Amino acid sequence: MRGLAIRDDMSAAELRQYARTSPDRRAGMRALAIAHAMDGKSRAEAAGVIGRERQSLRDAVVRYNAEGLEGLRDRPGGGAKPQLSAVRCAELKAWVTAGPDPERDGVSTYRLVDIADWVERKWGRKYTLSGMSKLLRRIGLSWQKARPTHPRGDAEAREDFKKSFRPS
């Protein structure tokens, strides 16, 4: 590579060895392209060996020069910023775990739709059902709910049944 110098603490053969044995395939491919560039191939040819463009090889060389082999690994993305703050998540969790009042709310358990509607009314944040499910999972709640019990059922008889029932 003519325009950009490549650090020389590892030889092209050592980079190829790293590419063969690295558990991180993408980092290994970048090392292989750098090894080809060290052998005198043009940037386009060296990048073409791994099916990439010249710019991605240049970026890999810059990171390799700065950080060594660690610089060849993928960096995790930042991801989307959460819509609700930690305080609001704690308030949501408290509201969900308190549960609805069947007399006041007209439901015995909250559904994702109910929770998403409540969040939108309270804080103006719109969530899809899958987004709300992920949010609830992230704050430590599960979509699973307890088995329903009849309000006039006999709790003592239920416990006796659990203890004495033995499936055959």
N, C-alpha and C. Protein backbone atom coordinates (compact mmCIF):
# COMPACT_ATOMS: atom_id res chain seq x y z
N MET A 1 0.84 -1.17 0.00
CA MET A 1 0.00 0.00 0.00
C MET A 1 0.88 1.23 0.00
N ARG A 2 0.76 2.00 -1.03
CA ARG A 2 1.69 3.10 -1.20
C ARG A 2 1.39 4.29 -0.29
N GLY A 3 0.13 4.71 -0.15
CA GLY A 3 -0.18 5.96 0.53
C GLY A 3 -0.18 5.87 2.04
N LEU A 4 -0.39 4.71 2.60
CA LEU A 4 -0.54 4.57 4.04
C LEU A 4 0.42 3.50 4.54
N ALA A 5 1.27 3.89 5.48
CA ALA A 5 2.23 2.93 6.03
C ALA A 5 1.52 1.95 6.95
N ILE A 6 1.99 0.72 6.97
CA ILE A 6 1.43 -0.33 7.82
C ILE A 6 2.47 -0.68 8.86
N ARG A 7 2.06 -0.77 10.11
CA ARG A 7 3.03 -1.10 11.17
C ARG A 7 3.68 -2.44 10.85
N ASP A 8 4.92 -2.59 11.30
CA ASP A 8 5.70 -3.77 10.90
C ASP A 8 6.08 -4.66 12.07
N ASP A 9 5.34 -4.61 13.16
CA ASP A 9 5.66 -5.50 14.28
C ASP A 9 5.25 -6.94 14.02
N MET A 10 4.38 -7.17 13.03
CA MET A 10 4.03 -8.52 12.60
C MET A 10 4.27 -8.62 11.10
N SER A 11 4.76 -9.76 10.67
CA SER A 11 5.00 -9.95 9.24
C SER A 11 3.71 -10.37 8.55
N ALA A 12 3.74 -10.37 7.23
CA ALA A 12 2.57 -10.80 6.45
C ALA A 12 2.25 -12.27 6.75
N ALA A 13 3.28 -13.09 6.94
CA ALA A 13 3.05 -14.51 7.25
C ALA A 13 2.36 -14.66 8.61
N GLU A 14 2.76 -13.84 9.58
CA GLU A 14 2.12 -13.91 10.90
C GLU A 14 0.66 -13.44 10.82
N LEU A 15 0.40 -12.45 10.01
CA LEU A 15 -0.98 -12.00 9.83
C LEU A 15 -1.83 -13.08 9.16
N ARG A 16 -1.23 -13.79 8.19
CA ARG A 16 -1.96 -14.89 7.55
C ARG A 16 -2.25 -16.02 8.55
N GLN A 17 -1.27 -16.29 9.41
CA GLN A 17 -1.46 -17.31 10.45
C GLN A 17 -2.60 -16.89 11.39
N TYR A 18 -2.62 -15.61 11.76
CA TYR A 18 -3.70 -15.10 12.61
C TYR A 18 -5.04 -15.25 11.89
N ALA A 19 -5.06 -14.95 10.59
CA ALA A 19 -6.30 -15.05 9.83
C ALA A 19 -6.82 -16.49 9.80
N ARG A 20 -5.91 -17.46 9.73
CA ARG A 20 -6.32 -18.87 9.69
C ARG A 20 -6.84 -19.35 11.04
N THR A 21 -6.25 -18.87 12.13
CA THR A 21 -6.56 -19.42 13.46
C THR A 21 -7.50 -18.55 14.29
N SER A 22 -7.82 -17.37 13.82
CA SER A 22 -8.64 -16.46 14.62
C SER A 22 -10.07 -16.97 14.70
N PRO A 23 -10.65 -16.97 15.91
CA PRO A 23 -12.06 -17.36 16.02
C PRO A 23 -13.00 -16.29 15.46
N ASP A 24 -12.49 -15.06 15.36
CA ASP A 24 -13.28 -13.97 14.79
C ASP A 24 -12.99 -13.91 13.29
N ARG A 25 -13.92 -14.43 12.50
CA ARG A 25 -13.69 -14.56 11.06
C ARG A 25 -13.50 -13.21 10.38
N ARG A 26 -14.28 -12.22 10.77
CA ARG A 26 -14.18 -10.92 10.12
C ARG A 26 -12.84 -10.25 10.42
N ALA A 27 -12.35 -10.38 11.64
CA ALA A 27 -11.03 -9.83 11.97
C ALA A 27 -9.95 -10.58 11.19
N GLY A 28 -10.12 -11.88 11.03
CA GLY A 28 -9.17 -12.66 10.26
C GLY A 28 -9.12 -12.24 8.80
N MET A 29 -10.28 -11.96 8.23
CA MET A 29 -10.33 -11.51 6.84
C MET A 29 -9.63 -10.16 6.68
N ARG A 30 -9.83 -9.27 7.64
CA ARG A 30 -9.14 -7.97 7.58
C ARG A 30 -7.63 -8.16 7.67
N ALA A 31 -7.19 -9.08 8.54
CA ALA A 31 -5.76 -9.36 8.67
C ALA A 31 -5.21 -9.93 7.36
N LEU A 32 -5.98 -10.77 6.71
CA LEU A 32 -5.55 -11.35 5.44
C LEU A 32 -5.39 -10.26 4.38
N ALA A 33 -6.31 -9.34 4.32
CA ALA A 33 -6.21 -8.25 3.35
C ALA A 33 -4.98 -7.38 3.63
N ILE A 34 -4.73 -7.12 4.91
CA ILE A 34 -3.54 -6.33 5.27
C ILE A 34 -2.27 -7.07 4.89
N ALA A 35 -2.27 -8.39 5.07
CA ALA A 35 -1.10 -9.19 4.68
C ALA A 35 -0.85 -9.08 3.18
N HIS A 36 -1.90 -9.11 2.38
CA HIS A 36 -1.73 -8.95 0.93
C HIS A 36 -1.20 -7.56 0.59
N ALA A 37 -1.68 -6.56 1.31
CA ALA A 37 -1.18 -5.19 1.07
C ALA A 37 0.30 -5.09 1.45
N MET A 38 0.70 -5.79 2.51
CA MET A 38 2.11 -5.77 2.93
C MET A 38 2.99 -6.45 1.88
N ASP A 39 2.42 -7.41 1.14
CA ASP A 39 3.16 -8.10 0.10
C ASP A 39 3.32 -7.26 -1.16
N GLY A 40 2.70 -6.08 -1.18
CA GLY A 40 2.89 -5.18 -2.31
C GLY A 40 1.72 -5.08 -3.26
N LYS A 41 0.61 -5.74 -2.97
CA LYS A 41 -0.56 -5.61 -3.83
C LYS A 41 -1.16 -4.22 -3.65
N SER A 42 -1.86 -3.77 -4.67
CA SER A 42 -2.53 -2.47 -4.56
C SER A 42 -3.68 -2.58 -3.55
N ARG A 43 -4.15 -1.43 -3.10
CA ARG A 43 -5.23 -1.42 -2.13
C ARG A 43 -6.48 -2.11 -2.70
N ALA A 44 -6.78 -1.86 -3.96
CA ALA A 44 -7.96 -2.46 -4.59
C ALA A 44 -7.80 -3.98 -4.69
N GLU A 45 -6.62 -4.46 -5.07
CA GLU A 45 -6.39 -5.91 -5.17
C GLU A 45 -6.46 -6.58 -3.80
N ALA A 46 -5.83 -5.95 -2.80
CA ALA A 46 -5.81 -6.54 -1.46
C ALA A 46 -7.23 -6.59 -0.87
N ALA A 47 -8.00 -5.54 -1.09
CA ALA A 47 -9.38 -5.53 -0.59
C ALA A 47 -10.25 -6.51 -1.37
N GLY A 48 -9.97 -6.65 -2.66
CA GLY A 48 -10.74 -7.58 -3.49
C GLY A 48 -10.57 -9.02 -3.07
N VAL A 49 -9.44 -9.37 -2.45
CA VAL A 49 -9.20 -10.74 -1.99
C VAL A 49 -10.27 -11.17 -0.99
N ILE A 50 -10.72 -10.23 -0.18
CA ILE A 50 -11.74 -10.57 0.82
C ILE A 50 -13.12 -10.04 0.44
N GLY A 51 -13.23 -9.53 -0.80
CA GLY A 51 -14.53 -9.07 -1.28
C GLY A 51 -14.97 -7.74 -0.70
N ARG A 52 -14.02 -6.87 -0.40
CA ARG A 52 -14.35 -5.56 0.17
C ARG A 52 -13.85 -4.45 -0.75
N GLU A 53 -14.16 -3.23 -0.39
CA GLU A 53 -13.71 -2.07 -1.14
C GLU A 53 -12.42 -1.52 -0.55
N ARG A 54 -11.77 -0.65 -1.32
CA ARG A 54 -10.50 -0.06 -0.87
C ARG A 54 -10.66 0.71 0.43
N GLN A 55 -11.75 1.42 0.59
CA GLN A 55 -11.95 2.25 1.78
C GLN A 55 -12.01 1.41 3.05
N SER A 56 -12.65 0.25 2.98
CA SER A 56 -12.74 -0.59 4.17
C SER A 56 -11.37 -1.14 4.54
N LEU A 57 -10.53 -1.41 3.53
CA LEU A 57 -9.16 -1.85 3.83
C LEU A 57 -8.38 -0.71 4.48
N ARG A 58 -8.56 0.50 3.97
CA ARG A 58 -7.86 1.64 4.55
C ARG A 58 -8.29 1.82 6.02
N ASP A 59 -9.58 1.72 6.29
CA ASP A 59 -10.08 1.85 7.66
C ASP A 59 -9.47 0.77 8.56
N ALA A 60 -9.36 -0.46 8.03
CA ALA A 60 -8.78 -1.55 8.81
C ALA A 60 -7.30 -1.29 9.09
N VAL A 61 -6.58 -0.74 8.12
CA VAL A 61 -5.16 -0.45 8.32
C VAL A 61 -4.99 0.63 9.37
N VAL A 62 -5.83 1.66 9.33
CA VAL A 62 -5.74 2.73 10.32
C VAL A 62 -5.98 2.18 11.72
N ARG A 63 -7.00 1.33 11.86
CA ARG A 63 -7.28 0.74 13.17
C ARG A 63 -6.19 -0.23 13.59
N TYR A 64 -5.63 -0.99 12.65
CA TYR A 64 -4.54 -1.91 12.94
C TYR A 64 -3.29 -1.15 13.39
N ASN A 65 -2.99 -0.05 12.73
CA ASN A 65 -1.84 0.77 13.12
C ASN A 65 -2.01 1.33 14.52
N ALA A 66 -3.22 1.70 14.88
CA ALA A 66 -3.46 2.33 16.18
C ALA A 66 -3.56 1.31 17.31
N GLU A 67 -4.21 0.16 17.05
CA GLU A 67 -4.53 -0.77 18.14
C GLU A 67 -3.96 -2.17 17.97
N GLY A 68 -3.32 -2.46 16.88
CA GLY A 68 -2.82 -3.81 16.64
C GLY A 68 -3.95 -4.73 16.22
N LEU A 69 -3.83 -6.01 16.54
CA LEU A 69 -4.84 -6.99 16.14
C LEU A 69 -6.20 -6.72 16.78
N GLU A 70 -6.22 -6.11 17.96
CA GLU A 70 -7.49 -5.77 18.61
C GLU A 70 -8.31 -4.81 17.75
N GLY A 71 -7.62 -3.95 16.99
CA GLY A 71 -8.31 -2.98 16.16
C GLY A 71 -9.02 -3.60 14.98
N LEU A 72 -8.74 -4.84 14.67
CA LEU A 72 -9.38 -5.50 13.53
C LEU A 72 -10.74 -6.10 13.88
N ARG A 73 -11.05 -6.19 15.16
CA ARG A 73 -12.33 -6.75 15.58
C ARG A 73 -13.46 -5.76 15.36
N ASP A 74 -14.66 -6.30 15.20
CA ASP A 74 -15.85 -5.46 15.07
C ASP A 74 -16.13 -4.77 16.41
N ARG A 75 -16.58 -3.55 16.32
CA ARG A 75 -16.97 -2.82 17.52
C ARG A 75 -18.48 -2.89 17.65
N PRO A 76 -18.96 -3.05 18.87
CA PRO A 76 -20.42 -3.11 19.04
C PRO A 76 -21.05 -1.78 18.71
N GLY A 77 -22.22 -1.84 18.12
CA GLY A 77 -22.95 -0.63 17.79
C GLY A 77 -23.56 0.00 19.03
N GLY A 78 -23.87 1.25 18.94
CA GLY A 78 -24.44 1.95 20.08
C GLY A 78 -25.88 1.57 20.34
N GLY A 79 -26.61 1.26 19.29
CA GLY A 79 -28.02 0.93 19.45
C GLY A 79 -28.86 2.18 19.65
N ALA A 80 -30.14 2.00 19.64
CA ALA A 80 -31.05 3.12 19.82
C ALA A 80 -31.08 3.54 21.29
N LYS A 81 -31.24 4.83 21.51
CA LYS A 81 -31.34 5.32 22.87
C LYS A 81 -32.70 4.94 23.43
N PRO A 82 -32.75 4.56 24.72
CA PRO A 82 -34.04 4.17 25.29
C PRO A 82 -34.99 5.37 25.33
N GLN A 83 -36.27 5.11 25.09
CA GLN A 83 -37.27 6.17 25.11
C GLN A 83 -37.65 6.58 26.52
N LEU A 84 -37.57 5.63 27.46
CA LEU A 84 -37.94 5.92 28.84
C LEU A 84 -36.70 5.96 29.72
N SER A 85 -36.66 6.91 30.63
CA SER A 85 -35.54 7.02 31.57
C SER A 85 -35.65 5.91 32.61
N ALA A 86 -34.60 5.77 33.41
CA ALA A 86 -34.60 4.74 34.46
C ALA A 86 -35.70 5.00 35.47
N VAL A 87 -35.97 6.26 35.77
CA VAL A 87 -37.02 6.60 36.73
C VAL A 87 -38.38 6.19 36.18
N ARG A 88 -38.61 6.47 34.90
CA ARG A 88 -39.89 6.11 34.28
C ARG A 88 -40.03 4.59 34.17
N CYS A 89 -38.92 3.90 33.89
CA CYS A 89 -38.98 2.43 33.83
C CYS A 89 -39.34 1.86 35.20
N ALA A 90 -38.78 2.44 36.26
CA ALA A 90 -39.11 1.99 37.61
C ALA A 90 -40.58 2.24 37.93
N GLU A 91 -41.10 3.39 37.48
CA GLU A 91 -42.51 3.70 37.70
C GLU A 91 -43.41 2.74 36.91
N LEU A 92 -43.00 2.44 35.67
CA LEU A 92 -43.76 1.48 34.85
C LEU A 92 -43.77 0.10 35.50
N LYS A 93 -42.62 -0.33 36.01
CA LYS A 93 -42.52 -1.64 36.64
C LYS A 93 -43.42 -1.70 37.88
N ALA A 94 -43.41 -0.63 38.67
CA ALA A 94 -44.26 -0.60 39.86
C ALA A 94 -45.73 -0.66 39.48
N TRP A 95 -46.11 0.06 38.42
CA TRP A 95 -47.50 0.08 37.98
C TRP A 95 -47.94 -1.30 37.48
N VAL A 96 -47.07 -1.95 36.70
CA VAL A 96 -47.42 -3.27 36.16
C VAL A 96 -47.50 -4.31 37.26
N THR A 97 -46.55 -4.29 38.19
CA THR A 97 -46.55 -5.30 39.26
C THR A 97 -47.69 -5.08 40.25
N ALA A 98 -48.14 -3.83 40.40
CA ALA A 98 -49.30 -3.59 41.27
C ALA A 98 -50.55 -4.23 40.67
N GLY A 99 -50.61 -4.28 39.35
CA GLY A 99 -51.73 -4.93 38.68
C GLY A 99 -52.96 -4.06 38.63
N PRO A 100 -53.91 -4.46 37.81
CA PRO A 100 -55.12 -3.66 37.67
C PRO A 100 -56.15 -3.97 38.76
N ASP A 101 -57.03 -3.04 38.96
CA ASP A 101 -58.17 -3.27 39.84
C ASP A 101 -59.34 -3.65 38.93
N PRO A 102 -59.84 -4.87 39.01
CA PRO A 102 -60.89 -5.30 38.08
C PRO A 102 -62.13 -4.39 38.12
N GLU A 103 -62.45 -3.86 39.28
CA GLU A 103 -63.63 -2.99 39.39
C GLU A 103 -63.39 -1.67 38.67
N ARG A 104 -62.22 -1.08 38.89
CA ARG A 104 -61.91 0.23 38.31
C ARG A 104 -61.50 0.12 36.84
N ASP A 105 -60.59 -0.83 36.54
CA ASP A 105 -60.01 -0.91 35.20
C ASP A 105 -60.80 -1.80 34.25
N GLY A 106 -61.60 -2.69 34.78
CA GLY A 106 -62.41 -3.56 33.93
C GLY A 106 -61.64 -4.76 33.37
N VAL A 107 -60.38 -4.96 33.78
CA VAL A 107 -59.60 -6.12 33.34
C VAL A 107 -58.94 -6.75 34.56
N SER A 108 -58.65 -8.05 34.44
CA SER A 108 -58.02 -8.73 35.57
C SER A 108 -56.50 -8.77 35.44
N THR A 109 -55.99 -8.70 34.21
CA THR A 109 -54.55 -8.63 33.98
C THR A 109 -54.27 -7.68 32.83
N TYR A 110 -53.11 -7.07 32.86
CA TYR A 110 -52.73 -6.17 31.78
C TYR A 110 -52.22 -6.97 30.59
N ARG A 111 -52.57 -6.52 29.40
CA ARG A 111 -52.01 -7.06 28.18
C ARG A 111 -50.97 -6.06 27.69
N LEU A 112 -50.15 -6.46 26.73
CA LEU A 112 -49.15 -5.54 26.18
C LEU A 112 -49.81 -4.30 25.59
N VAL A 113 -50.97 -4.48 24.98
CA VAL A 113 -51.70 -3.36 24.40
C VAL A 113 -52.07 -2.35 25.48
N ASP A 114 -52.54 -2.86 26.63
CA ASP A 114 -52.93 -1.98 27.72
C ASP A 114 -51.73 -1.20 28.25
N ILE A 115 -50.61 -1.88 28.39
CA ILE A 115 -49.41 -1.24 28.92
C ILE A 115 -48.90 -0.19 27.94
N ALA A 116 -48.89 -0.53 26.66
CA ALA A 116 -48.42 0.42 25.65
C ALA A 116 -49.33 1.64 25.61
N ASP A 117 -50.64 1.45 25.72
CA ASP A 117 -51.58 2.58 25.75
C ASP A 117 -51.34 3.47 26.97
N TRP A 118 -51.10 2.84 28.11
CA TRP A 118 -50.86 3.60 29.33
C TRP A 118 -49.59 4.45 29.21
N VAL A 119 -48.53 3.85 28.66
CA VAL A 119 -47.27 4.58 28.47
C VAL A 119 -47.48 5.76 27.51
N GLU A 120 -48.25 5.53 26.45
CA GLU A 120 -48.49 6.60 25.48
C GLU A 120 -49.31 7.73 26.10
N ARG A 121 -50.32 7.38 26.89
CA ARG A 121 -51.13 8.42 27.54
C ARG A 121 -50.32 9.18 28.59
N LYS A 122 -49.52 8.45 29.35
CA LYS A 122 -48.80 9.08 30.48
C LYS A 122 -47.60 9.89 30.02
N TRP A 123 -46.78 9.35 29.11
CA TRP A 123 -45.53 10.01 28.74
C TRP A 123 -45.43 10.38 27.26
N GLY A 124 -46.43 10.02 26.48
CA GLY A 124 -46.41 10.38 25.06
C GLY A 124 -45.41 9.58 24.23
N ARG A 125 -45.03 8.43 24.69
CA ARG A 125 -44.09 7.56 23.97
C ARG A 125 -44.86 6.39 23.38
N LYS A 126 -44.76 6.23 22.07
CA LYS A 126 -45.50 5.16 21.39
C LYS A 126 -44.59 3.94 21.23
N TYR A 127 -45.10 2.78 21.62
CA TYR A 127 -44.37 1.52 21.51
C TYR A 127 -45.19 0.53 20.68
N THR A 128 -44.49 -0.25 19.87
CA THR A 128 -45.14 -1.39 19.22
C THR A 128 -45.25 -2.50 20.26
N LEU A 129 -46.00 -3.53 19.95
CA LEU A 129 -46.14 -4.63 20.91
C LEU A 129 -44.80 -5.33 21.15
N SER A 130 -44.04 -5.53 20.08
CA SER A 130 -42.74 -6.19 20.27
C SER A 130 -41.79 -5.28 21.04
N GLY A 131 -41.85 -3.97 20.79
CA GLY A 131 -41.01 -3.03 21.52
C GLY A 131 -41.37 -3.00 23.00
N MET A 132 -42.66 -3.05 23.29
CA MET A 132 -43.09 -3.06 24.69
C MET A 132 -42.67 -4.35 25.37
N SER A 133 -42.76 -5.46 24.64
CA SER A 133 -42.33 -6.74 25.20
C SER A 133 -40.84 -6.71 25.55
N LYS A 134 -40.03 -6.14 24.66
CA LYS A 134 -38.59 -6.03 24.92
C LYS A 134 -38.31 -5.11 26.11
N LEU A 135 -39.05 -4.02 26.20
CA LEU A 135 -38.87 -3.10 27.33
C LEU A 135 -39.20 -3.79 28.64
N LEU A 136 -40.32 -4.52 28.68
CA LEU A 136 -40.69 -5.22 29.90
C LEU A 136 -39.66 -6.27 30.28
N ARG A 137 -39.13 -6.96 29.29
CA ARG A 137 -38.09 -7.96 29.55
C ARG A 137 -36.84 -7.29 30.12
N ARG A 138 -36.50 -6.11 29.57
CA ARG A 138 -35.31 -5.41 30.00
C ARG A 138 -35.43 -4.91 31.45
N ILE A 139 -36.64 -4.58 31.88
CA ILE A 139 -36.80 -4.11 33.26
C ILE A 139 -37.13 -5.25 34.22
N GLY A 140 -37.04 -6.48 33.73
CA GLY A 140 -37.15 -7.64 34.62
C GLY A 140 -38.54 -8.23 34.73
N LEU A 141 -39.42 -7.93 33.79
CA LEU A 141 -40.76 -8.50 33.82
C LEU A 141 -40.92 -9.51 32.69
N SER A 142 -41.85 -10.42 32.86
CA SER A 142 -42.09 -11.45 31.87
C SER A 142 -43.53 -11.34 31.38
N TRP A 143 -43.76 -11.79 30.18
CA TRP A 143 -45.12 -11.77 29.64
C TRP A 143 -45.98 -12.86 30.25
N GLN A 144 -45.33 -13.84 30.88
CA GLN A 144 -46.08 -14.95 31.46
C GLN A 144 -46.85 -14.46 32.67
N LYS A 145 -47.98 -15.05 32.89
CA LYS A 145 -48.77 -14.67 34.05
C LYS A 145 -49.19 -15.93 34.81
N ALA A 146 -49.60 -15.71 36.03
CA ALA A 146 -49.99 -16.83 36.88
C ALA A 146 -51.28 -17.45 36.35
N ARG A 147 -51.44 -18.69 36.70
CA ARG A 147 -52.66 -19.39 36.31
C ARG A 147 -53.86 -18.72 36.99
N PRO A 148 -54.94 -18.51 36.26
CA PRO A 148 -56.08 -17.82 36.88
C PRO A 148 -56.75 -18.68 37.94
N THR A 149 -57.27 -18.01 38.93
CA THR A 149 -58.02 -18.71 39.98
C THR A 149 -59.40 -18.05 40.08
N HIS A 150 -60.37 -18.86 40.42
CA HIS A 150 -61.72 -18.33 40.56
C HIS A 150 -61.79 -17.49 41.82
N PRO A 151 -62.45 -16.31 41.75
CA PRO A 151 -62.48 -15.45 42.93
C PRO A 151 -63.19 -16.07 44.13
N ARG A 152 -64.14 -16.97 43.88
CA ARG A 152 -64.84 -17.62 45.00
C ARG A 152 -64.32 -19.04 45.25
N GLY A 153 -63.14 -19.36 44.70
CA GLY A 153 -62.57 -20.68 44.88
C GLY A 153 -62.05 -20.87 46.30
N ASP A 154 -61.89 -22.12 46.68
CA ASP A 154 -61.41 -22.44 48.01
C ASP A 154 -59.89 -22.64 47.94
N ALA A 155 -59.14 -21.69 48.49
CA ALA A 155 -57.68 -21.74 48.44
C ALA A 155 -57.14 -22.96 49.20
N GLU A 156 -57.79 -23.29 50.31
CA GLU A 156 -57.33 -24.43 51.11
C GLU A 156 -57.50 -25.74 50.34
N ALA A 157 -58.61 -25.90 49.66
CA ALA A 157 -58.85 -27.11 48.88
C ALA A 157 -57.86 -27.21 47.73
N ARG A 158 -57.52 -26.06 47.14
CA ARG A 158 -56.51 -26.07 46.06
C ARG A 158 -55.17 -26.56 46.58
N GLU A 159 -54.75 -26.08 47.73
CA GLU A 159 -53.47 -26.49 48.31
C GLU A 159 -53.48 -27.98 48.65
N ASP A 160 -54.58 -28.47 49.22
CA ASP A 160 -54.69 -29.90 49.53
C ASP A 160 -54.59 -30.73 48.27
N PHE A 161 -55.23 -30.26 47.19
CA PHE A 161 -55.19 -30.98 45.92
C PHE A 161 -53.76 -31.03 45.39
N LYS A 162 -53.02 -29.92 45.48
CA LYS A 162 -51.63 -29.90 44.99
C LYS A 162 -50.77 -30.89 45.75
N LYS A 163 -50.97 -30.95 47.06
CA LYS A 163 -50.15 -31.82 47.89
C LYS A 163 -50.47 -33.31 47.70
N SER A 164 -51.76 -33.61 47.53
CA SER A 164 -52.14 -35.03 47.51
C SER A 164 -52.22 -35.63 46.11
N PHE A 165 -52.29 -34.80 45.07
CA PHE A 165 -52.45 -35.33 43.74
C PHE A 165 -51.13 -35.90 43.22
N ARG A 166 -51.16 -37.13 42.83
CA ARG A 166 -49.99 -37.80 42.27
C ARG A 166 -50.38 -38.34 40.89
N PRO A 167 -49.82 -37.79 39.83
CA PRO A 167 -50.17 -38.34 38.50
C PRO A 167 -49.63 -39.76 38.34
N SER A 168 -50.37 -40.59 37.64
CA SER A 168 -49.95 -41.99 37.48
C SER A 168 -49.06 -42.15 36.29
